[in-house]
Protein backbone atom coordinates (compact mmCIF):
# COMPACT_ATOMS: atom_id res chain seq x y z
CA UNK A 1 143.64 109.32 83.10
CA UNK A 2 143.63 106.56 85.05
CA UNK A 3 140.88 105.52 87.40
CA UNK A 4 143.62 106.10 90.72
CA UNK A 5 144.34 109.81 89.50
CA UNK A 6 143.99 111.89 92.12
CA UNK A 7 141.13 114.35 91.24
CA UNK A 8 139.93 117.81 92.86
CA UNK A 9 136.46 119.38 93.36
CA UNK A 10 136.36 122.92 94.31
CA UNK A 11 132.99 124.62 95.23
CA UNK A 12 132.30 128.53 95.30
CA UNK A 13 129.48 129.85 96.54
CA UNK A 14 128.58 133.04 94.14
CA UNK A 15 129.33 136.17 95.88
CA UNK A 16 126.69 138.16 98.17
CA UNK A 17 124.07 138.97 95.22
CA UNK A 18 120.87 141.94 95.55
CA UNK A 19 117.70 141.91 97.30
CA UNK A 20 115.97 142.85 94.47
CA UNK A 21 112.04 142.72 92.93
CA UNK A 22 113.20 140.46 89.88
CA UNK A 23 112.94 136.64 90.25
CA UNK A 24 115.79 134.93 92.00
CA UNK A 25 117.60 133.57 88.85
CA UNK A 26 117.73 137.37 87.91
CA UNK A 27 119.54 138.92 90.96
CA UNK A 28 122.35 140.41 90.33
CA UNK A 29 125.81 140.75 92.79
CA UNK A 30 125.78 143.66 95.24
CA UNK A 31 128.97 145.57 95.13
CA UNK A 32 130.07 143.72 98.45
CA UNK A 33 129.78 140.66 96.15
CA UNK A 34 131.34 142.72 92.89
CA UNK A 35 134.41 143.20 95.35
CA UNK A 36 134.66 139.43 96.88
CA UNK A 37 134.44 137.85 93.62
CA UNK A 38 138.02 138.72 92.18
CA UNK A 39 139.43 138.11 96.19
CA UNK A 40 138.14 134.59 95.82
CA UNK A 41 140.18 134.00 92.69
CA UNK A 42 143.24 135.28 93.75
CA UNK A 43 142.70 132.82 96.78
CA UNK A 44 142.63 130.03 94.21
CA UNK A 45 145.53 131.20 92.01
CA UNK A 46 147.22 131.54 95.37
CA UNK A 47 146.48 128.19 96.09
CA UNK A 48 147.39 126.66 92.76
CA UNK A 49 144.03 125.85 91.76
CA UNK A 50 143.85 126.22 88.08
CA UNK A 51 140.33 124.18 86.96
CA UNK A 52 140.34 122.16 83.81
CA UNK A 53 136.56 122.90 84.04
CA UNK A 54 134.08 125.23 85.28
CA UNK A 55 130.63 124.18 85.84
CA UNK A 56 128.49 127.12 86.63
CA UNK A 57 124.99 127.89 87.15
CA UNK A 58 122.79 129.85 84.76
CA UNK A 59 121.78 132.41 87.22
CA UNK A 60 123.09 135.77 86.81
CA UNK A 61 124.48 136.30 90.27
CA UNK A 62 126.55 133.19 89.29
CA UNK A 63 127.57 134.10 86.15
CA UNK A 64 128.77 137.45 87.13
CA UNK A 65 130.90 135.67 90.18
CA UNK A 66 132.64 133.77 87.74
CA UNK A 67 133.10 136.52 85.25
CA UNK A 68 134.81 138.38 88.13
CA UNK A 69 136.90 135.27 89.76
CA UNK A 70 138.51 133.89 85.97
CA UNK A 71 140.42 137.34 85.30
CA UNK A 72 142.58 136.44 88.67
CA UNK A 73 143.40 132.88 87.04
CA UNK A 74 146.53 131.99 85.32
CA UNK A 75 144.60 130.69 82.52
CA UNK A 76 140.72 130.21 81.75
CA UNK A 77 139.42 126.92 81.88
CA UNK A 78 136.85 125.51 79.49
CA UNK A 79 132.93 126.75 81.12
CA UNK A 80 129.64 125.10 80.76
CA UNK A 81 126.70 126.83 82.34
CA UNK A 82 124.40 124.32 83.33
CA UNK A 83 121.18 125.33 84.49
CA UNK A 84 120.83 121.89 86.69
CA UNK A 85 122.86 123.95 89.24
CA UNK A 86 119.92 126.41 90.06
CA UNK A 87 118.22 125.00 93.16
CA UNK A 88 119.64 121.20 92.52
CA UNK A 89 119.43 118.99 95.48
CA UNK A 90 122.23 117.49 96.73
CA UNK A 91 121.35 114.59 94.49
CA UNK A 92 121.02 116.85 91.60
CA UNK A 93 124.27 117.93 92.05
CA UNK A 94 126.18 114.75 92.75
CA UNK A 95 124.75 113.20 89.43
CA UNK A 96 126.07 116.65 87.34
CA UNK A 97 129.55 115.81 88.85
CA UNK A 98 129.22 112.26 87.77
CA UNK A 99 128.60 113.16 84.22
CA UNK A 100 132.12 115.07 84.37
CA UNK A 101 134.57 113.79 81.79
CA UNK A 102 137.23 111.46 82.60
CA UNK A 103 140.32 113.97 81.23
CA UNK A 104 139.19 116.44 83.51
CA UNK A 105 141.52 116.61 86.57
CA UNK A 106 140.64 120.07 88.37
CA UNK A 107 136.84 120.74 88.24
CA UNK A 108 135.48 124.18 89.49
CA UNK A 109 131.58 124.37 90.65
CA UNK A 110 129.81 127.55 90.98
CA UNK A 111 126.51 127.17 92.97
CA UNK A 112 124.32 128.37 95.63
CA UNK A 113 123.39 127.43 98.82
CA UNK A 114 122.10 125.13 100.24
CA UNK A 115 123.15 123.04 97.82
CA UNK A 116 126.56 123.61 97.88
CA UNK A 117 127.14 123.48 101.24
CA UNK A 118 125.60 120.33 101.69
CA UNK A 119 127.43 118.94 98.58
CA UNK A 120 130.60 119.73 100.57
CA UNK A 121 129.59 118.37 103.65
CA UNK A 122 128.50 115.34 102.06
CA UNK A 123 131.52 114.60 99.74
CA UNK A 124 133.86 114.76 102.77
CA UNK A 125 134.20 111.61 104.32
CA UNK A 126 137.41 113.06 105.81
CA UNK A 127 139.08 116.22 106.34
CA UNK A 128 142.34 117.98 107.30
CA UNK A 129 142.19 119.47 110.83
CA UNK A 130 139.40 121.27 111.96
CA UNK A 131 138.24 122.40 108.22
CA UNK A 132 135.00 120.60 108.23
CA UNK A 133 134.18 121.63 111.28
CA UNK A 134 135.07 125.34 110.68
CA UNK A 135 132.88 124.90 107.26
CA UNK A 136 129.92 123.76 108.99
CA UNK A 137 129.56 126.41 111.67
CA UNK A 138 130.41 129.46 109.41
CA UNK A 139 127.46 128.12 107.13
CA UNK A 140 129.09 128.53 103.93
CA UNK A 141 129.41 132.21 103.23
CA UNK A 142 128.70 133.85 100.14
CA UNK A 143 132.13 133.58 97.94
CA UNK A 144 133.45 130.79 99.87
CA UNK A 145 135.44 127.81 98.75
CA UNK A 146 135.95 124.27 99.38
CA UNK A 147 138.15 122.28 98.12
CA UNK A 148 138.00 118.44 97.70
CA UNK A 149 139.90 115.39 96.73
CA UNK A 150 139.47 112.09 95.88
CA UNK A 151 140.98 109.38 94.03
CA UNK A 152 138.52 107.71 91.35
CA UNK A 153 136.73 108.49 87.99
CA UNK A 154 133.96 111.07 88.33
CA UNK A 155 131.00 107.96 88.14
CA UNK A 156 132.53 106.87 91.34
CA UNK A 157 131.53 110.44 92.65
CA UNK A 158 129.52 109.99 96.00
CA UNK A 159 128.71 110.17 99.68
CA UNK A 160 132.02 110.73 101.74
CA UNK A 161 134.36 109.62 98.58
CA UNK A 162 136.53 113.08 99.29
CA UNK A 163 138.83 114.79 101.76
CA UNK A 164 138.48 118.52 102.39
CA UNK A 165 141.88 120.12 102.08
CA UNK A 166 140.64 123.58 102.02
CA UNK A 167 138.18 125.90 103.19
CA UNK A 168 138.34 129.45 102.77
CA UNK A 169 135.87 132.77 102.81
CA UNK A 170 136.70 136.20 102.71
CA UNK A 171 134.90 137.56 105.41
CA UNK A 172 136.22 134.83 108.26
């Protein structure tokens, strides 16, 4: 693919998790999360988004979210579970995106707040209509999805490079 290839970054915050005595990393999904995650998958499929690669945090709630999203997609993308996505800062998330192989056109990242929201906000140099304002007002709830497009290679992903084209959450 050339550096002018249009690319898409899809950011998915994990579904609603239980509060438990376990470590934060080990928190499972709550009943509402188990209901909302497949709805997010159906939204992706309905929007025609089939990622080439999914990067998923290693936390239990993100892995469970992804396992409920993926059956709703027309095809299963290659999935990499990356421990760096758990509690990642904005800079760490951008560094992970910069490592994406050039053959990937559509990338899905399953992660956590505040990082996923910060990443969507930072990459959105432009946005369609009032999508950016709606995303920021919502606080990027659980099971929410942000879709950004950009031209270039993955090494060029930085603040303001993208255009926020969609934002969806199951209870908005």
